[in-house]
Protein backbone atom coordinates (compact mmCIF):
# COMPACT_ATOMS: atom_id res chain seq x y z
CA MET A 1 0.00 0.00 0.00
CA VAL A 2 1.31 3.42 -0.90
CA ASN A 3 1.20 6.23 1.61
CA LEU A 4 0.24 9.84 0.94
CA TRP A 5 3.84 11.09 0.94
CA HIS A 6 4.83 8.67 -1.80
CA PHE A 7 1.73 9.65 -3.80
CA PHE A 8 2.95 13.26 -3.99
CA GLY A 9 6.53 12.19 -4.71
CA LEU A 10 7.85 13.33 -1.34
CA PRO A 11 10.12 11.38 1.00
CA ASP A 12 8.40 9.70 3.93
CA PRO A 13 9.06 11.74 7.12
CA GLU A 14 8.67 8.61 9.27
CA GLY A 15 11.46 6.92 7.34
CA ASN A 16 9.44 3.87 6.26
CA PRO A 17 11.01 2.27 3.19
CA PRO A 18 8.87 2.59 0.07
CA VAL A 19 6.80 -0.46 -0.74
CA GLN A 20 8.10 -2.30 -3.80
CA ARG A 21 5.59 -3.31 -6.43
CA ARG A 22 5.36 -6.94 -7.39
CA GLN A 23 6.08 -7.60 -11.04
CA ALA A 24 4.67 -10.51 -13.00
CA ALA A 25 7.37 -13.07 -13.69
CA VAL A 26 6.02 -14.13 -17.08
CA PRO A 27 3.83 -12.11 -19.42
CA ALA A 28 0.31 -13.45 -19.85
CA ASP A 29 0.65 -14.16 -23.57
CA GLN A 30 3.52 -16.70 -23.18
CA PRO A 31 2.98 -20.29 -21.98
CA VAL A 32 4.31 -21.32 -18.62
CA ALA A 33 6.65 -24.30 -18.49
CA LEU A 34 7.63 -26.05 -15.29
CA LYS A 35 10.88 -27.95 -14.97
CA SER A 36 11.45 -30.13 -12.02
CA THR A 37 15.05 -31.02 -11.66
CA LEU A 38 16.57 -31.69 -8.35
CA THR A 39 20.29 -31.44 -8.02
CA VAL A 40 22.16 -31.65 -4.82
CA ASN A 41 25.54 -30.07 -4.59
CA SER A 42 27.71 -30.82 -1.66
CA GLU A 43 29.27 -27.42 -1.97
CA SER A 44 26.78 -24.67 -2.29
CA LYS A 45 28.10 -21.74 -4.21
CA PRO A 46 26.85 -18.33 -3.19
CA ARG A 47 24.73 -16.86 -5.90
CA PRO A 48 25.73 -13.45 -7.15
CA THR A 49 23.12 -10.90 -6.20
CA PRO A 50 22.22 -8.48 -8.94
CA ALA A 51 23.30 -4.92 -8.25
CA VAL A 52 20.39 -2.66 -7.48
CA THR A 53 20.26 0.19 -9.97
CA PRO A 54 17.97 3.19 -9.69
CA ASN A 55 15.89 1.91 -12.59
CA SER A 56 15.33 -1.51 -11.02
CA ALA A 57 14.17 0.07 -7.76
CA GLY A 58 11.25 1.72 -9.54
CA LEU A 59 12.83 5.16 -9.89
CA ARG A 60 12.62 7.16 -13.05
CA PRO A 61 15.81 7.87 -14.96
CA VAL A 62 17.01 11.46 -14.97
CA PRO A 63 15.99 13.07 -18.29
CA LEU A 64 18.74 14.08 -20.67
CA GLY A 65 19.78 17.68 -20.15
CA TRP A 66 18.23 17.88 -16.67
CA THR A 67 19.76 20.79 -14.76
CA GLY A 68 17.27 21.01 -11.91
CA PRO A 69 17.54 19.66 -8.37
CA LEU A 70 17.39 15.97 -7.46
CA THR A 71 15.74 14.29 -4.48
CA PRO A 72 17.90 12.27 -2.04
CA ASP A 73 16.74 9.18 -3.94
CA GLY A 74 18.12 10.62 -7.19
CA GLU A 75 14.82 11.46 -8.86
CA PRO A 76 14.39 14.77 -10.72
CA PHE A 77 12.50 17.30 -8.62
CA HIS A 78 10.64 20.37 -9.89
CA ASP A 79 11.07 23.08 -7.28
CA LEU A 80 7.99 25.27 -7.71
CA GLY A 81 9.46 27.93 -5.44
CA MET A 82 12.40 28.51 -7.76
CA VAL A 83 11.67 31.32 -10.21
CA LYS A 84 13.31 30.63 -13.53
CA SER A 85 12.09 32.57 -16.52
CA PRO A 86 13.44 32.58 -20.05
CA PRO A 87 15.56 35.54 -21.07
CA LEU A 88 13.51 38.45 -22.31
CA PRO A 89 13.82 39.27 -25.99
CA ILE A 90 15.60 42.46 -26.92
CA PRO A 91 12.98 45.07 -27.87
CA THR A 92 13.06 46.33 -31.43
CA GLN A 93 10.70 49.26 -30.97
CA ALA A 94 10.64 52.02 -28.39
CA LEU A 95 8.73 55.08 -27.26
CA ARG A 96 10.96 58.15 -27.47
CA TYR A 97 10.47 61.59 -25.93
CA VAL A 98 11.99 64.56 -27.77
CA ALA A 99 12.11 68.17 -26.58
CA PRO A 100 13.93 71.15 -28.12
CA ASP A 101 17.62 71.39 -27.24
CA GLU A 102 19.41 74.43 -25.74
CA MET A 103 19.34 76.18 -29.12
CA LYS A 104 15.54 75.53 -29.35
CA ARG A 105 15.97 73.12 -32.29
CA ILE A 106 14.19 69.89 -33.15
CA HIS A 107 16.47 67.39 -34.92
CA SER A 108 14.02 66.02 -37.45
CA GLN A 109 16.51 63.82 -39.34
CA SER A 110 17.37 61.79 -36.23
CA ILE A 111 13.64 61.54 -35.48
CA LEU A 112 13.07 60.32 -39.05
CA LYS A 113 15.64 57.53 -38.59
CA ARG A 114 13.91 56.34 -35.41
CA VAL A 115 10.44 56.50 -36.98
CA ILE A 116 11.62 54.39 -39.93
CA GLN A 117 12.99 51.82 -37.44
CA GLY A 118 9.50 51.57 -35.91
CA ASP A 119 9.89 53.78 -32.82
CA THR A 120 7.05 56.04 -31.73
CA VAL A 121 8.23 59.57 -30.97
CA ILE A 122 6.54 62.10 -28.68
CA VAL A 123 7.65 65.66 -29.49
CA ASP A 124 7.12 68.26 -26.77
CA LEU A 125 6.97 71.87 -27.99
CA ARG A 126 5.85 73.27 -24.61
CA PRO A 127 9.30 74.72 -23.77
CA LEU A 128 8.74 77.13 -26.69
CA VAL A 129 6.00 78.95 -24.75
CA HIS A 130 6.50 82.51 -26.00
CA MET A 131 7.76 81.59 -29.47
CA ASP A 132 4.66 81.04 -31.60
CA SER A 133 6.45 81.53 -34.92
CA HIS A 134 9.20 79.10 -33.88
CA GLN A 135 6.57 76.54 -32.83
CA MET A 136 4.93 76.84 -36.26
CA ALA A 137 8.33 76.37 -37.97
CA CYS A 138 8.96 73.21 -35.89
CA ARG A 139 5.50 71.87 -36.78
CA ARG A 140 6.14 72.49 -40.50
CA GLU A 141 9.51 70.72 -40.26
CA LEU A 142 7.91 67.75 -38.47
CA LYS A 143 5.10 67.66 -41.06
CA HIS A 144 7.67 67.54 -43.87
CA MET A 145 9.54 64.77 -42.03
CA GLY A 146 6.25 62.83 -41.59
CA ASP A 147 5.55 63.12 -45.31
CA GLN A 148 9.00 61.69 -46.06
CA ALA A 149 8.39 58.73 -43.74
CA GLY A 150 4.79 58.26 -44.88
CA VAL A 151 3.29 58.64 -41.39
CA GLU A 152 0.75 61.03 -39.92
CA ILE A 153 1.48 63.32 -36.98
CA PHE A 154 -1.10 63.42 -34.19
CA ALA A 155 -1.69 66.17 -31.63
CA LEU A 156 -2.09 64.85 -28.09
CA ASP A 157 -3.31 68.13 -26.58
CA THR A 158 -5.60 70.96 -27.67
CA GLU A 159 -2.78 73.50 -28.19
CA ASP A 160 -0.84 71.21 -30.60
CA LYS A 161 2.24 71.44 -28.40
CA LEU A 162 2.50 67.72 -27.65
CA LEU A 163 2.78 65.73 -30.88
CA MET A 164 2.95 61.99 -31.51
CA ILE A 165 4.69 60.50 -34.53
CA PRO A 166 3.95 56.75 -34.79
CA GLY A 167 6.58 54.39 -36.18
CA ILE A 168 6.33 52.69 -39.55
CA ASP A 169 4.68 49.47 -38.25
CA ILE A 170 2.43 51.19 -35.69
CA VAL A 171 -1.31 51.36 -36.43
CA VAL A 172 -3.44 54.21 -35.07
CA ASP A 173 -7.24 53.92 -35.13
CA MET A 174 -8.53 57.47 -35.47
CA GLN A 175 -12.18 56.66 -34.68
CA LYS A 176 -11.51 54.80 -31.43
CA ARG A 177 -8.19 56.56 -30.77
CA GLU A 178 -6.37 53.27 -30.19
CA LEU A 179 -2.68 52.70 -30.76
CA GLY A 180 -1.33 49.24 -31.51
CA LEU A 181 0.92 46.96 -33.51
CA THR A 182 -1.66 44.77 -35.25
CA PRO A 183 -3.34 46.06 -38.39
CA LEU A 184 -7.01 46.84 -38.06
CA LEU A 185 -9.44 44.48 -39.78
């Protein structure tokens, strides 16, 4: 009879040896033959005992490539408390934030390179608070850059000072205002 500890694959805390299962000596599809020979040897030779291997004791063999822990009996053990996740893939797309530099310039060619790679760029024109004509020049430059890349430029606020330029593979639904990677059906 098997106890509860053995059912869950845990060692028995009471130290009782595990119960061995009886195996059928002959398969049912082969005939059984009995031989009765009686030989008496004056010198009895000790019979060699077969070495007990982990497989003959009812234990499972360790799978090839197993790197996890083993039980004291030598069985593979899945430690559910051990956190082991696969390495994260390197991202190919990013969300970039761009603001004017010290000279109040927007570098549209470097933005264009990132947009063609698939990055989404947020351009912040709010530092140009008292420069309306300079803001309009930056918007025209970004519009020209968007035409070169074949993408639309979206305003994220009512004053058109926070602009979003989606990457090449980014889909923007203008009715629902959803941003995503999968094309809309």
